[in-house]
Every structure is written in C-alpha cells, then in structure tokens.
Amino acid sequence: MSKMGVREHRLHASATQRDLAFFRERERERALAAEKTAGLRALRLAKEEAERAAAQAAAEQALLNKPKRRTKKASAAPAPETATAE
C-alpha cells in the first residue's frame, strides 16, 4: 500500500473506533433508562395496588360500621278503635 492508502486506512479505522464507542455508550444509556423506567413503573403499580386495597378495606369497614336501618315493629296488640257515634 502507498503512504496515502495507509493514512486513509488509519483515519477510517479511528473513525470506526469512535463510532463504535459512541454507539456502545448510547446503548448503555438506553439500557439504564429502560431499567429506571421499569423500576419506576413497578413502584407506581405497587402504590396503586396498595391504594386499591386500602380503599376496598375502607369500604368494607364502612359497611361493617354502617348503622342498621330501623324498621317500625308491628305492635302485638291491635290499635284501639275510637268510639264512633252511631
């Protein structure tokens, strides 16, 4: 190879090395971001599930503490009749 060919080959090789390093770094950052997103999603889902369970428990507790409706009891004796003038 001539001097120019060797020089071009070196320049191309160093550019390729820089490109590979850049792409590796970008892929590493993408993987870190995906991992962080997955962790945050898991925390959010756990929080929503805990809130849902707490709301359900509160609703069940409210049903247990709800005052019972009072109904009028029928009296055992019939109501006295009023005197009518005949």
PDB file of N, CA and C in Angstrom:
ATOM      1  N   MET A   1       0.835  -1.175   0.000  1.00  0.00           N
ATOM      2  CA  MET A   1       0.000   0.000   0.000  1.00  0.00           C
ATOM      3  C   MET A   1       0.881   1.239   0.000  1.00  0.00           C
ATOM      4  N   SER A   2       0.315   2.272  -0.565  1.00  0.00           N
ATOM      5  CA  SER A   2       1.061   3.525  -0.584  1.00  0.00           C
ATOM      6  C   SER A   2       0.861   4.252   0.734  1.00  0.00           C
ATOM      7  N   LYS A   3       1.636   5.321   0.906  1.00  0.00           N
ATOM      8  CA  LYS A   3       1.514   6.099   2.136  1.00  0.00           C
ATOM      9  C   LYS A   3       0.098   6.658   2.284  1.00  0.00           C
ATOM     10  N   MET A   4      -0.497   7.088   1.195  1.00  0.00           N
ATOM     11  CA  MET A   4      -1.852   7.642   1.238  1.00  0.00           C
ATOM     12  C   MET A   4      -2.863   6.567   1.629  1.00  0.00           C
ATOM     13  N   GLY A   5      -2.686   5.373   1.127  1.00  0.00           N
ATOM     14  CA  GLY A   5      -3.604   4.284   1.459  1.00  0.00           C
ATOM     15  C   GLY A   5      -3.525   3.919   2.925  1.00  0.00           C
ATOM     16  N   VAL A   6      -2.330   3.892   3.469  1.00  0.00           N
ATOM     17  CA  VAL A   6      -2.141   3.570   4.878  1.00  0.00           C
ATOM     18  C   VAL A   6      -2.755   4.666   5.740  1.00  0.00           C
ATOM     19  N   ARG A   7      -2.523   5.903   5.354  1.00  0.00           N
ATOM     20  CA  ARG A   7      -3.066   7.031   6.127  1.00  0.00           C
ATOM     21  C   ARG A   7      -4.595   6.993   6.124  1.00  0.00           C
ATOM     22  N   GLU A   8      -5.193   6.776   4.964  1.00  0.00           N
ATOM     23  CA  GLU A   8      -6.659   6.708   4.869  1.00  0.00           C
ATOM     24  C   GLU A   8      -7.196   5.542   5.686  1.00  0.00           C
ATOM     25  N   HIS A   9      -6.472   4.450   5.658  1.00  0.00           N
ATOM     26  CA  HIS A   9      -6.899   3.280   6.421  1.00  0.00           C
ATOM     27  C   HIS A   9      -6.886   3.593   7.925  1.00  0.00           C
ATOM     28  N   ARG A  10      -5.851   4.261   8.404  1.00  0.00           N
ATOM     29  CA  ARG A  10      -5.769   4.629   9.815  1.00  0.00           C
ATOM     30  C   ARG A  10      -6.886   5.590  10.203  1.00  0.00           C
ATOM     31  N   LEU A  11      -7.119   6.602   9.350  1.00  0.00           N
ATOM     32  CA  LEU A  11      -8.187   7.562   9.638  1.00  0.00           C
ATOM     33  C   LEU A  11      -9.543   6.867   9.677  1.00  0.00           C
ATOM     34  N   HIS A  12      -9.761   5.968   8.733  1.00  0.00           N
ATOM     35  CA  HIS A  12     -11.028   5.241   8.704  1.00  0.00           C
ATOM     36  C   HIS A  12     -11.157   4.337   9.932  1.00  0.00           C
ATOM     37  N   ALA A  13     -10.083   3.702  10.331  1.00  0.00           N
ATOM     38  CA  ALA A  13     -10.108   2.820  11.497  1.00  0.00           C
ATOM     39  C   ALA A  13     -10.386   3.615  12.769  1.00  0.00           C
ATOM     40  N   SER A  14      -9.779   4.782  12.926  1.00  0.00           N
ATOM     41  CA  SER A  14     -10.009   5.572  14.133  1.00  0.00           C
ATOM     42  C   SER A  14     -11.444   6.123  14.142  1.00  0.00           C
ATOM     43  N   ALA A  15     -11.956   6.503  12.980  1.00  0.00           N
ATOM     44  CA  ALA A  15     -13.345   6.973  12.907  1.00  0.00           C
ATOM     45  C   ALA A  15     -14.299   5.838  13.255  1.00  0.00           C
ATOM     46  N   THR A  16     -13.999   4.654  12.801  1.00  0.00           N
ATOM     47  CA  THR A  16     -14.831   3.498  13.106  1.00  0.00           C
ATOM     48  C   THR A  16     -14.799   3.203  14.604  1.00  0.00           C
ATOM     49  N   GLN A  17     -13.625   3.321  15.201  1.00  0.00           N
ATOM     50  CA  GLN A  17     -13.500   3.097  16.648  1.00  0.00           C
ATOM     51  C   GLN A  17     -14.341   4.114  17.425  1.00  0.00           C
ATOM     52  N   ARG A  18     -14.281   5.390  17.018  1.00  0.00           N
ATOM     53  CA  ARG A  18     -15.086   6.425  17.683  1.00  0.00           C
ATOM     54  C   ARG A  18     -16.576   6.137  17.526  1.00  0.00           C
ATOM     55  N   ASP A  19     -16.967   5.734  16.324  1.00  0.00           N
ATOM     56  CA  ASP A  19     -18.379   5.412  16.088  1.00  0.00           C
ATOM     57  C   ASP A  19     -18.822   4.249  16.972  1.00  0.00           C
ATOM     58  N   LEU A  20     -18.014   3.211  17.046  1.00  0.00           N
ATOM     59  CA  LEU A  20     -18.372   2.063  17.874  1.00  0.00           C
ATOM     60  C   LEU A  20     -18.477   2.444  19.348  1.00  0.00           C
ATOM     61  N   ALA A  21     -17.545   3.268  19.813  1.00  0.00           N
ATOM     62  CA  ALA A  21     -17.587   3.706  21.208  1.00  0.00           C
ATOM     63  C   ALA A  21     -18.850   4.534  21.466  1.00  0.00           C
ATOM     64  N   PHE A  22     -19.190   5.399  20.521  1.00  0.00           N
ATOM     65  CA  PHE A  22     -20.389   6.220  20.664  1.00  0.00           C
ATOM     66  C   PHE A  22     -21.637   5.343  20.729  1.00  0.00           C
ATOM     67  N   PHE A  23     -21.742   4.375  19.826  1.00  0.00           N
ATOM     68  CA  PHE A  23     -22.918   3.516  19.797  1.00  0.00           C
ATOM     69  C   PHE A  23     -23.019   2.634  21.041  1.00  0.00           C
ATOM     70  N   ARG A  24     -21.869   2.173  21.528  1.00  0.00           N
ATOM     71  CA  ARG A  24     -21.884   1.391  22.774  1.00  0.00           C
ATOM     72  C   ARG A  24     -22.373   2.238  23.946  1.00  0.00           C
ATOM     73  N   GLU A  25     -21.884   3.466  24.033  1.00  0.00           N
ATOM     74  CA  GLU A  25     -22.287   4.366  25.111  1.00  0.00           C
ATOM     75  C   GLU A  25     -23.778   4.692  25.009  1.00  0.00           C
ATOM     76  N   ARG A  26     -24.238   4.948  23.809  1.00  0.00           N
ATOM     77  CA  ARG A  26     -25.656   5.253  23.624  1.00  0.00           C
ATOM     78  C   ARG A  26     -26.534   4.057  24.002  1.00  0.00           C
ATOM     79  N   GLU A  27     -26.115   2.871  23.653  1.00  0.00           N
ATOM     80  CA  GLU A  27     -26.874   1.668  24.002  1.00  0.00           C
ATOM     81  C   GLU A  27     -26.866   1.452  25.528  1.00  0.00           C
ATOM     82  N   ARG A  28     -25.734   1.717  26.172  1.00  0.00           N
ATOM     83  CA  ARG A  28     -25.654   1.590  27.632  1.00  0.00           C
ATOM     84  C   ARG A  28     -26.604   2.576  28.307  1.00  0.00           C
ATOM     85  N   GLU A  29     -26.637   3.820  27.822  1.00  0.00           N
ATOM     86  CA  GLU A  29     -27.546   4.823  28.378  1.00  0.00           C
ATOM     87  C   GLU A  29     -29.003   4.430  28.142  1.00  0.00           C
ATOM     88  N   ARG A  30     -29.293   3.873  26.990  1.00  0.00           N
ATOM     89  CA  ARG A  30     -30.658   3.437  26.690  1.00  0.00           C
ATOM     90  C   ARG A  30     -31.079   2.309  27.632  1.00  0.00           C
ATOM     91  N   ALA A  31     -30.173   1.382  27.897  1.00  0.00           N
ATOM     92  CA  ALA A  31     -30.470   0.271  28.812  1.00  0.00           C
ATOM     93  C   ALA A  31     -30.696   0.791  30.234  1.00  0.00           C
ATOM     94  N   LEU A  32     -29.883   1.753  30.672  1.00  0.00           N
ATOM     95  CA  LEU A  32     -30.066   2.341  32.009  1.00  0.00           C
ATOM     96  C   LEU A  32     -31.414   3.054  32.113  1.00  0.00           C
ATOM     97  N   ALA A  33     -31.783   3.786  31.066  1.00  0.00           N
ATOM     98  CA  ALA A  33     -33.066   4.489  31.083  1.00  0.00           C
ATOM     99  C   ALA A  33     -34.225   3.490  31.120  1.00  0.00           C
ATOM    100  N   ALA A  34     -34.111   2.402  30.368  1.00  0.00           N
ATOM    101  CA  ALA A  34     -35.167   1.383  30.366  1.00  0.00           C
ATOM    102  C   ALA A  34     -35.277   0.718  31.731  1.00  0.00           C
ATOM    103  N   GLU A  35     -34.149   0.463  32.363  1.00  0.00           N
ATOM    104  CA  GLU A  35     -34.150  -0.142  33.704  1.00  0.00           C
ATOM    105  C   GLU A  35     -34.784   0.801  34.723  1.00  0.00           C
ATOM    106  N   LYS A  36     -34.445   2.074  34.635  1.00  0.00           N
ATOM    107  CA  LYS A  36     -35.011   3.070  35.554  1.00  0.00           C
ATOM    108  C   LYS A  36     -36.522   3.171  35.342  1.00  0.00           C
ATOM    109  N   THR A  37     -36.949   3.196  34.086  1.00  0.00           N
ATOM    110  CA  THR A  37     -38.377   3.276  33.775  1.00  0.00           C
ATOM    111  C   THR A  37     -39.119   2.060  34.307  1.00  0.00           C
ATOM    112  N   ALA A  38     -38.540   0.884  34.155  1.00  0.00           N
ATOM    113  CA  ALA A  38     -39.179  -0.337  34.652  1.00  0.00           C
ATOM    114  C   ALA A  38     -39.303  -0.302  36.172  1.00  0.00           C
ATOM    115  N   GLY A  39     -38.283   0.184  36.846  1.00  0.00           N
ATOM    116  CA  GLY A  39     -38.330   0.289  38.303  1.00  0.00           C
ATOM    117  C   GLY A  39     -39.400   1.261  38.766  1.00  0.00           C
ATOM    118  N   LEU A  40     -39.479   2.422  38.102  1.00  0.00           N
ATOM    119  CA  LEU A  40     -40.492   3.411  38.462  1.00  0.00           C
ATOM    120  C   LEU A  40     -41.899   2.879  38.182  1.00  0.00           C
ATOM    121  N   ARG A  41     -42.048   2.152  37.080  1.00  0.00           N
ATOM    122  CA  ARG A  41     -43.354   1.570  36.747  1.00  0.00           C
ATOM    123  C   ARG A  41     -43.760   0.555  37.812  1.00  0.00           C
ATOM    124  N   ALA A  42     -42.809  -0.252  38.260  1.00  0.00           N
ATOM    125  CA  ALA A  42     -43.106  -1.248  39.298  1.00  0.00           C
ATOM    126  C   ALA A  42     -43.524  -0.562  40.593  1.00  0.00           C
ATOM    127  N   LEU A  43     -42.844   0.521  40.951  1.00  0.00           N
ATOM    128  CA  LEU A  43     -43.217   1.266  42.163  1.00  0.00           C
ATOM    129  C   LEU A  43     -44.617   1.865  42.037  1.00  0.00           C
ATOM    130  N   ARG A  44     -44.917   2.431  40.865  1.00  0.00           N
ATOM    131  CA  ARG A  44     -46.231   3.035  40.656  1.00  0.00           C
ATOM    132  C   ARG A  44     -47.330   1.979  40.730  1.00  0.00           C
ATOM    133  N   LEU A  45     -47.112   0.835  40.110  1.00  0.00           N
ATOM    134  CA  LEU A  45     -48.115  -0.233  40.154  1.00  0.00           C
ATOM    135  C   LEU A  45     -48.316  -0.756  41.570  1.00  0.00           C
ATOM    136  N   ALA A  46     -47.230  -0.876  42.327  1.00  0.00           N
ATOM    137  CA  ALA A  46     -47.341  -1.328  43.717  1.00  0.00           C
ATOM    138  C   ALA A  46     -48.121  -0.308  44.545  1.00  0.00           C
ATOM    139  N   LYS A  47     -47.864   0.975  44.322  1.00  0.00           N
ATOM    140  CA  LYS A  47     -48.573   2.030  45.050  1.00  0.00           C
ATOM    141  C   LYS A  47     -50.057   2.004  44.697  1.00  0.00           C
ATOM    142  N   GLU A  48     -50.378   1.868  43.412  1.00  0.00           N
ATOM    143  CA  GLU A  48     -51.783   1.824  43.002  1.00  0.00           C
ATOM    144  C   GLU A  48     -52.489   0.614  43.607  1.00  0.00           C
ATOM    145  N   GLU A  49     -51.812  -0.519  43.659  1.00  0.00           N
ATOM    146  CA  GLU A  49     -52.405  -1.721  44.241  1.00  0.00           C
ATOM    147  C   GLU A  49     -52.644  -1.529  45.740  1.00  0.00           C
ATOM    148  N   ALA A  50     -51.689  -0.901  46.428  1.00  0.00           N
ATOM    149  CA  ALA A  50     -51.855  -0.641  47.861  1.00  0.00           C
ATOM    150  C   ALA A  50     -53.025   0.316  48.099  1.00  0.00           C
ATOM    151  N   GLU A  51     -53.137   1.343  47.266  1.00  0.00           N
ATOM    152  CA  GLU A  51     -54.250   2.280  47.401  1.00  0.00           C
ATOM    153  C   GLU A  51     -55.577   1.586  47.128  1.00  0.00           C
ATOM    154  N   ARG A  52     -55.615   0.718  46.125  1.00  0.00           N
ATOM    155  CA  ARG A  52     -56.832  -0.021  45.797  1.00  0.00           C
ATOM    156  C   ARG A  52     -57.232  -0.930  46.962  1.00  0.00           C
ATOM    157  N   ALA A  53     -56.261  -1.613  47.557  1.00  0.00           N
ATOM    158  CA  ALA A  53     -56.543  -2.496  48.687  1.00  0.00           C
ATOM    159  C   ALA A  53     -57.018  -1.683  49.895  1.00  0.00           C
ATOM    160  N   ALA A  54     -56.405  -0.522  50.134  1.00  0.00           N
ATOM    161  CA  ALA A  54     -56.820   0.326  51.253  1.00  0.00           C
ATOM    162  C   ALA A  54     -58.241   0.845  51.035  1.00  0.00           C
ATOM    163  N   ALA A  55     -58.563   1.222  49.806  1.00  0.00           N
ATOM    164  CA  ALA A  55     -59.914   1.708  49.511  1.00  0.00           C
ATOM    165  C   ALA A  55     -60.942   0.599  49.707  1.00  0.00           C
ATOM    166  N   GLN A  56     -60.591  -0.602  49.290  1.00  0.00           N
ATOM    167  CA  GLN A  56     -61.510  -1.727  49.458  1.00  0.00           C
ATOM    168  C   GLN A  56     -61.697  -2.042  50.945  1.00  0.00           C
ATOM    169  N   ALA A  57     -60.622  -2.019  51.706  1.00  0.00           N
ATOM    170  CA  ALA A  57     -60.717  -2.279  53.143  1.00  0.00           C
ATOM    171  C   ALA A  57     -61.554  -1.195  53.823  1.00  0.00           C
ATOM    172  N   ALA A  58     -61.388   0.045  53.402  1.00  0.00           N
ATOM    173  CA  ALA A  58     -62.173   1.142  53.985  1.00  0.00           C
ATOM    174  C   ALA A  58     -63.653   0.975  53.643  1.00  0.00           C
ATOM    175  N   ALA A  59     -63.933   0.549  52.424  1.00  0.00           N
ATOM    176  CA  ALA A  59     -65.325   0.334  52.030  1.00  0.00           C
ATOM    177  C   ALA A  59     -65.947  -0.804  52.837  1.00  0.00           C
ATOM    178  N   GLU A  60     -65.186  -1.872  53.036  1.00  0.00           N
ATOM    179  CA  GLU A  60     -65.686  -2.996  53.834  1.00  0.00           C
ATOM    180  C   GLU A  60     -65.906  -2.571  55.284  1.00  0.00           C
ATOM    181  N   GLN A  61     -64.997  -1.779  55.820  1.00  0.00           N
ATOM    182  CA  GLN A  61     -65.117  -1.293  57.190  1.00  0.00           C
ATOM    183  C   GLN A  61     -66.329  -0.380  57.314  1.00  0.00           C
ATOM    184  N   ALA A  62     -66.574   0.437  56.292  1.00  0.00           N
ATOM    185  CA  ALA A  62     -67.721   1.336  56.320  1.00  0.00           C
ATOM    186  C   ALA A  62     -69.023   0.529  56.331  1.00  0.00           C
ATOM    187  N   LEU A  63     -69.028  -0.567  55.597  1.00  0.00           N
ATOM    188  CA  LEU A  63     -70.223  -1.417  55.606  1.00  0.00           C
ATOM    189  C   LEU A  63     -70.443  -2.046  56.982  1.00  0.00           C
ATOM    190  N   LEU A  64     -69.365  -2.440  57.629  1.00  0.00           N
ATOM    191  CA  LEU A  64     -69.493  -3.033  58.954  1.00  0.00           C
ATOM    192  C   LEU A  64     -69.942  -2.007  59.988  1.00  0.00           C
ATOM    193  N   ASN A  65     -69.500  -0.773  59.845  1.00  0.00           N
ATOM    194  CA  ASN A  65     -69.826   0.283  60.814  1.00  0.00           C
ATOM    195  C   ASN A  65     -71.104   1.023  60.468  1.00  0.00           C
ATOM    196  N   LYS A  66     -71.704   0.692  59.359  1.00  0.00           N
ATOM    197  CA  LYS A  66     -72.903   1.387  58.921  1.00  0.00           C
ATOM    198  C   LYS A  66     -74.038   1.098  59.905  1.00  0.00           C
ATOM    199  N   PRO A  67     -74.733   2.139  60.374  1.00  0.00           N
ATOM    200  CA  PRO A  67     -75.848   1.900  61.299  1.00  0.00           C
ATOM    201  C   PRO A  67     -76.952   1.142  60.573  1.00  0.00           C
ATOM    202  N   LYS A  68     -77.550   0.222  61.299  1.00  0.00           N
ATOM    203  CA  LYS A  68     -78.600  -0.578  60.688  1.00  0.00           C
ATOM    204  C   LYS A  68     -79.877   0.247  60.620  1.00  0.00           C
ATOM    205  N   ARG A  69     -80.617   0.032  59.566  1.00  0.00           N
ATOM    206  CA  ARG A  69     -81.885   0.726  59.414  1.00  0.00           C
ATOM    207  C   ARG A  69     -82.882   0.183  60.419  1.00  0.00           C
ATOM    208  N   ARG A  70     -83.539   1.074  61.037  1.00  0.00           N
ATOM    209  CA  ARG A  70     -84.560   0.642  61.993  1.00  0.00           C
ATOM    210  C   ARG A  70     -85.896   0.604  61.271  1.00  0.00           C
ATOM    211  N   THR A  71     -86.568  -0.476  61.477  1.00  0.00           N
ATOM    212  CA  THR A  71     -87.893  -0.594  60.893  1.00  0.00           C
ATOM    213  C   THR A  71     -88.903  -0.527  62.014  1.00  0.00           C
ATOM    214  N   LYS A  72     -90.050  -0.034  61.702  1.00  0.00           N
ATOM    215  CA  LYS A  72     -91.094   0.024  62.717  1.00  0.00           C
ATOM    216  C   LYS A  72     -91.589  -1.382  62.968  1.00  0.00           C
ATOM    217  N   LYS A  73     -91.622  -1.717  64.219  1.00  0.00           N
ATOM    218  CA  LYS A  73     -92.111  -3.044  64.563  1.00  0.00           C
ATOM    219  C   LYS A  73     -93.628  -2.971  64.682  1.00  0.00           C
ATOM    220  N   ALA A  74     -94.275  -3.972  64.202  1.00  0.00           N
ATOM    221  CA  ALA A  74     -95.732  -4.032  64.339  1.00  0.00           C
ATOM    222  C   ALA A  74     -96.040  -4.340  65.791  1.00  0.00           C
ATOM    223  N   SER A  75     -96.952  -3.596  66.356  1.00  0.00           N
ATOM    224  CA  SER A  75     -97.273  -3.830  67.762  1.00  0.00           C
ATOM    225  C   SER A  75     -98.057  -5.135  67.883  1.00  0.00           C
ATOM    226  N   ALA A  76     -97.875  -5.772  68.994  1.00  0.00           N
ATOM    227  CA  ALA A  76     -98.523  -7.059  69.215  1.00  0.00           C
ATOM    228  C   ALA A  76    -100.032  -6.892  69.346  1.00  0.00           C
ATOM    229  N   ALA A  77    -100.471  -5.835  69.973  1.00  0.00           N
ATOM    230  CA  ALA A  77    -101.917  -5.603  70.146  1.00  0.00           C
ATOM    231  C   ALA A  77    -102.407  -4.677  69.056  1.00  0.00           C
ATOM    232  N   PRO A  78    -103.623  -4.920  68.596  1.00  0.00           N
ATOM    233  CA  PRO A  78    -104.137  -4.004  67.572  1.00  0.00           C
ATOM    234  C   PRO A  78    -104.409  -2.635  68.184  1.00  0.00           C
ATOM    235  N   ALA A  79    -104.365  -1.656  67.370  1.00  0.00           N
ATOM    236  CA  ALA A  79    -104.598  -0.287  67.832  1.00  0.00           C
ATOM    237  C   ALA A  79    -106.030  -0.176  68.344  1.00  0.00           C
ATOM    238  N   PRO A  80    -106.235   0.549  69.438  1.00  0.00           N
ATOM    239  CA  PRO A  80    -107.608   0.672  69.971  1.00  0.00           C
ATOM    240  C   PRO A  80    -108.477   1.439  68.982  1.00  0.00           C
ATOM    241  N   GLU A  81    -109.713   0.965  68.900  1.00  0.00           N
ATOM    242  CA  GLU A  81    -110.642   1.628  67.992  1.00  0.00           C
ATOM    243  C   GLU A  81    -111.207   2.851  68.682  1.00  0.00           C
ATOM    244  N   THR A  82    -111.435   3.830  67.939  1.00  0.00           N
ATOM    245  CA  THR A  82    -112.012   5.039  68.503  1.00  0.00           C
ATOM    246  C   THR A  82    -113.519   4.892  68.520  1.00  0.00           C
ATOM    247  N   ALA A  83    -114.084   5.504  69.486  1.00  0.00           N
ATOM    248  CA  ALA A  83    -115.538   5.403  69.608  1.00  0.00           C
ATOM    249  C   ALA A  83    -116.193   6.216  68.510  1.00  0.00           C
ATOM    250  N   THR A  84    -117.116   5.579  67.889  1.00  0.00           N
ATOM    251  CA  THR A  84    -117.846   6.281  66.827  1.00  0.00           C
ATOM    252  C   THR A  84    -119.284   6.466  67.258  1.00  0.00           C
ATOM    253  N   ALA A  85    -119.810   7.551  66.947  1.00  0.00           N
ATOM    254  CA  ALA A  85    -121.193   7.807  67.304  1.00  0.00           C
ATOM    255  C   ALA A  85    -122.105   7.219  66.250  1.00  0.00           C
ATOM    256  N   GLU A  86    -122.979   6.355  66.708  1.00  0.00           N
ATOM    257  CA  GLU A  86    -123.918   5.749  65.794  1.00  0.00           C
ATOM    258  C   GLU A  86    -125.290   6.000  66.242  1.00  0.00           C
TER     259      GLU A  86
END
